[in-house]
């Protein structure tokens, strides 16, 4: 059982850092439900 089982997750990635889809891929097998994933440019 993971600490993410049944949790809903919002991911906001950074264009120059770690993009949202990469973080989403890392959470794929943790039991978390990704409800929103985006990559933004913070200037």
PDB file of N, CA and C in Angstrom:
ATOM      1  N   UNK A   1       0.840  -1.179   0.000  1.00  0.00           N
ATOM      2  CA  UNK A   1       0.000   0.000   0.000  1.00  0.00           C
ATOM      3  C   UNK A   1       0.890   1.249   0.000  1.00  0.00           C
ATOM      4  N   UNK A   2       0.612   2.143  -0.904  1.00  0.00           N
ATOM      5  CA  UNK A   2       1.384   3.372  -1.055  1.00  0.00           C
ATOM      6  C   UNK A   2       0.717   4.519  -0.307  1.00  0.00           C
ATOM      7  N   UNK A   3       1.500   5.516   0.052  1.00  0.00           N
ATOM      8  CA  UNK A   3       0.920   6.682   0.719  1.00  0.00           C
ATOM      9  C   UNK A   3       0.067   7.505  -0.240  1.00  0.00           C
ATOM     10  N   UNK A   4       0.142   7.205  -1.551  1.00  0.00           N
ATOM     11  CA  UNK A   4      -0.643   7.913  -2.555  1.00  0.00           C
ATOM     12  C   UNK A   4      -1.916   7.172  -2.948  1.00  0.00           C
ATOM     13  N   UNK A   5      -2.168   5.993  -2.411  1.00  0.00           N
ATOM     14  CA  UNK A   5      -3.365   5.224  -2.765  1.00  0.00           C
ATOM     15  C   UNK A   5      -4.623   6.039  -2.500  1.00  0.00           C
ATOM     16  N   UNK A   6      -5.441   6.206  -3.538  1.00  0.00           N
ATOM     17  CA  UNK A   6      -6.704   6.912  -3.403  1.00  0.00           C
ATOM     18  C   UNK A   6      -6.593   8.424  -3.336  1.00  0.00           C
ATOM     19  N   UNK A   7      -5.406   8.981  -3.497  1.00  0.00           N
ATOM     20  CA  UNK A   7      -5.219  10.434  -3.435  1.00  0.00           C
ATOM     21  C   UNK A   7      -5.367  11.035  -4.822  1.00  0.00           C
ATOM     22  N   UNK A   8      -5.873  12.249  -4.871  1.00  0.00           N
ATOM     23  CA  UNK A   8      -5.953  13.008  -6.115  1.00  0.00           C
ATOM     24  C   UNK A   8      -4.797  13.993  -6.136  1.00  0.00           C
ATOM     25  N   UNK A   9      -4.136  14.116  -7.288  1.00  0.00           N
ATOM     26  CA  UNK A   9      -2.913  14.909  -7.390  1.00  0.00           C
ATOM     27  C   UNK A   9      -3.057  15.955  -8.488  1.00  0.00           C
ATOM     28  N   UNK A  10      -2.594  17.163  -8.205  1.00  0.00           N
ATOM     29  CA  UNK A  10      -2.491  18.233  -9.194  1.00  0.00           C
ATOM     30  C   UNK A  10      -1.004  18.479  -9.429  1.00  0.00           C
ATOM     31  N   UNK A  11      -0.589  18.449 -10.695  1.00  0.00           N
ATOM     32  CA  UNK A  11       0.817  18.605 -11.043  1.00  0.00           C
ATOM     33  C   UNK A  11       0.998  19.874 -11.859  1.00  0.00           C
ATOM     34  N   UNK A  12       1.896  20.738 -11.421  1.00  0.00           N
ATOM     35  CA  UNK A  12       2.259  21.928 -12.190  1.00  0.00           C
ATOM     36  C   UNK A  12       3.767  21.878 -12.407  1.00  0.00           C
ATOM     37  N   UNK A  13       4.145  21.580 -13.631  1.00  0.00           N
ATOM     38  CA  UNK A  13       5.561  21.476 -13.967  1.00  0.00           C
ATOM     39  C   UNK A  13       6.103  22.799 -14.475  1.00  0.00           C
ATOM     40  N   UNK A  14       7.405  22.847 -14.640  1.00  0.00           N
ATOM     41  CA  UNK A  14       8.092  24.051 -15.105  1.00  0.00           C
ATOM     42  C   UNK A  14       8.779  23.754 -16.432  1.00  0.00           C
ATOM     43  N   UNK A  15       8.660  24.662 -17.382  1.00  0.00           N
ATOM     44  CA  UNK A  15       9.238  24.452 -18.715  1.00  0.00           C
ATOM     45  C   UNK A  15      10.744  24.271 -18.661  1.00  0.00           C
ATOM     46  N   UNK A  16      11.430  25.020 -17.807  1.00  0.00           N
ATOM     47  CA  UNK A  16      12.883  24.924 -17.708  1.00  0.00           C
ATOM     48  C   UNK A  16      13.339  23.926 -16.648  1.00  0.00           C
ATOM     49  N   UNK A  17      12.404  23.354 -15.922  1.00  0.00           N
ATOM     50  CA  UNK A  17      12.729  22.383 -14.878  1.00  0.00           C
ATOM     51  C   UNK A  17      12.178  21.016 -15.253  1.00  0.00           C
ATOM     52  N   UNK A  18      11.300  20.508 -14.442  1.00  0.00           N
ATOM     53  CA  UNK A  18      10.697  19.201 -14.690  1.00  0.00           C
ATOM     54  C   UNK A  18       9.287  19.410 -15.241  1.00  0.00           C
ATOM     55  N   UNK A  19       9.008  18.959 -16.470  1.00  0.00           N
ATOM     56  CA  UNK A  19       7.686  19.150 -17.063  1.00  0.00           C
ATOM     57  C   UNK A  19       6.625  18.267 -16.394  1.00  0.00           C
ATOM     58  N   UNK A  20       5.385  18.722 -16.456  1.00  0.00           N
ATOM     59  CA  UNK A  20       4.265  18.009 -15.846  1.00  0.00           C
ATOM     60  C   UNK A  20       4.137  16.560 -16.289  1.00  0.00           C
ATOM     61  N   UNK A  21       4.202  16.249 -17.596  1.00  0.00           N
ATOM     62  CA  UNK A  21       4.072  14.860 -18.026  1.00  0.00           C
ATOM     63  C   UNK A  21       5.140  13.934 -17.439  1.00  0.00           C
ATOM     64  N   UNK A  22       6.345  14.452 -17.183  1.00  0.00           N
ATOM     65  CA  UNK A  22       7.400  13.627 -16.587  1.00  0.00           C
ATOM     66  C   UNK A  22       7.040  13.265 -15.149  1.00  0.00           C
ATOM     67  N   UNK A  23       6.516  14.236 -14.402  1.00  0.00           N
ATOM     68  CA  UNK A  23       6.089  13.955 -13.026  1.00  0.00           C
ATOM     69  C   UNK A  23       4.891  13.012 -13.007  1.00  0.00           C
ATOM     70  N   UNK A  24       3.996  13.201 -13.977  1.00  0.00           N
ATOM     71  CA  UNK A  24       2.823  12.325 -14.083  1.00  0.00           C
ATOM     72  C   UNK A  24       3.254  10.882 -14.328  1.00  0.00           C
ATOM     73  N   UNK A  25       4.251  10.696 -15.166  1.00  0.00           N
ATOM     74  CA  UNK A  25       4.760   9.357 -15.455  1.00  0.00           C
ATOM     75  C   UNK A  25       5.358   8.715 -14.201  1.00  0.00           C
ATOM     76  N   UNK A  26       6.028   9.511 -13.386  1.00  0.00           N
ATOM     77  CA  UNK A  26       6.622   8.990 -12.147  1.00  0.00           C
ATOM     78  C   UNK A  26       5.561   8.548 -11.145  1.00  0.00           C
ATOM     79  N   UNK A  27       4.403   9.181 -11.165  1.00  0.00           N
ATOM     80  CA  UNK A  27       3.333   8.853 -10.219  1.00  0.00           C
ATOM     81  C   UNK A  27       2.388   7.772 -10.741  1.00  0.00           C
ATOM     82  N   UNK A  28       2.616   7.300 -11.955  1.00  0.00           N
ATOM     83  CA  UNK A  28       1.694   6.370 -12.602  1.00  0.00           C
ATOM     84  C   UNK A  28       1.439   5.100 -11.774  1.00  0.00           C
ATOM     85  N   UNK A  29       2.447   4.523 -11.175  1.00  0.00           N
ATOM     86  CA  UNK A  29       2.295   3.252 -10.453  1.00  0.00           C
ATOM     87  C   UNK A  29       2.175   3.407  -8.942  1.00  0.00           C
ATOM     88  N   UNK A  30       1.873   4.614  -8.470  1.00  0.00           N
ATOM     89  CA  UNK A  30       1.796   4.835  -7.027  1.00  0.00           C
ATOM     90  C   UNK A  30       0.387   4.704  -6.474  1.00  0.00           C
ATOM     91  N   UNK A  31      -0.613   4.628  -7.348  1.00  0.00           N
ATOM     92  CA  UNK A  31      -1.993   4.564  -6.890  1.00  0.00           C
ATOM     93  C   UNK A  31      -2.667   5.920  -6.837  1.00  0.00           C
ATOM     94  N   UNK A  32      -1.936   6.984  -7.181  1.00  0.00           N
ATOM     95  CA  UNK A  32      -2.499   8.330  -7.187  1.00  0.00           C
ATOM     96  C   UNK A  32      -3.294   8.559  -8.468  1.00  0.00           C
ATOM     97  N   UNK A  33      -4.328   9.389  -8.366  1.00  0.00           N
ATOM     98  CA  UNK A  33      -5.121   9.774  -9.533  1.00  0.00           C
ATOM     99  C   UNK A  33      -4.732  11.198  -9.900  1.00  0.00           C
ATOM    100  N   UNK A  34      -4.113  11.377 -11.065  1.00  0.00           N
ATOM    101  CA  UNK A  34      -3.715  12.704 -11.519  1.00  0.00           C
ATOM    102  C   UNK A  34      -4.945  13.357 -12.148  1.00  0.00           C
ATOM    103  N   UNK A  35      -5.461  14.405 -11.505  1.00  0.00           N
ATOM    104  CA  UNK A  35      -6.663  15.075 -11.999  1.00  0.00           C
ATOM    105  C   UNK A  35      -6.332  16.266 -12.886  1.00  0.00           C
ATOM    106  N   UNK A  36      -5.103  16.785 -12.765  1.00  0.00           N
ATOM    107  CA  UNK A  36      -4.677  17.910 -13.606  1.00  0.00           C
ATOM    108  C   UNK A  36      -3.162  17.874 -13.723  1.00  0.00           C
ATOM    109  N   UNK A  37      -2.671  18.041 -14.949  1.00  0.00           N
ATOM    110  CA  UNK A  37      -1.232  18.082 -15.175  1.00  0.00           C
ATOM    111  C   UNK A  37      -0.957  19.131 -16.244  1.00  0.00           C
ATOM    112  N   UNK A  38      -0.045  20.048 -15.943  1.00  0.00           N
ATOM    113  CA  UNK A  38       0.292  21.106 -16.902  1.00  0.00           C
ATOM    114  C   UNK A  38       1.765  21.475 -16.743  1.00  0.00           C
ATOM    115  N   UNK A  39       2.299  22.069 -17.807  1.00  0.00           N
ATOM    116  CA  UNK A  39       3.656  22.603 -17.779  1.00  0.00           C
ATOM    117  C   UNK A  39       3.543  24.088 -18.079  1.00  0.00           C
ATOM    118  N   UNK A  40       4.051  24.900 -17.186  1.00  0.00           N
ATOM    119  CA  UNK A  40       3.952  26.353 -17.314  1.00  0.00           C
ATOM    120  C   UNK A  40       5.339  26.960 -17.438  1.00  0.00           C
ATOM    121  N   UNK A  41       5.374  28.199 -17.905  1.00  0.00           N
ATOM    122  CA  UNK A  41       6.626  28.947 -18.000  1.00  0.00           C
ATOM    123  C   UNK A  41       6.564  30.064 -16.964  1.00  0.00           C
ATOM    124  N   UNK A  42       7.371  29.960 -15.930  1.00  0.00           N
ATOM    125  CA  UNK A  42       7.408  30.958 -14.868  1.00  0.00           C
ATOM    126  C   UNK A  42       8.568  31.909 -15.139  1.00  0.00           C
ATOM    127  N   UNK A  43       8.242  33.137 -15.471  1.00  0.00           N
ATOM    128  CA  UNK A  43       9.274  34.129 -15.798  1.00  0.00           C
ATOM    129  C   UNK A  43       9.275  35.208 -14.742  1.00  0.00           C
TER     130      UNK A  43
END
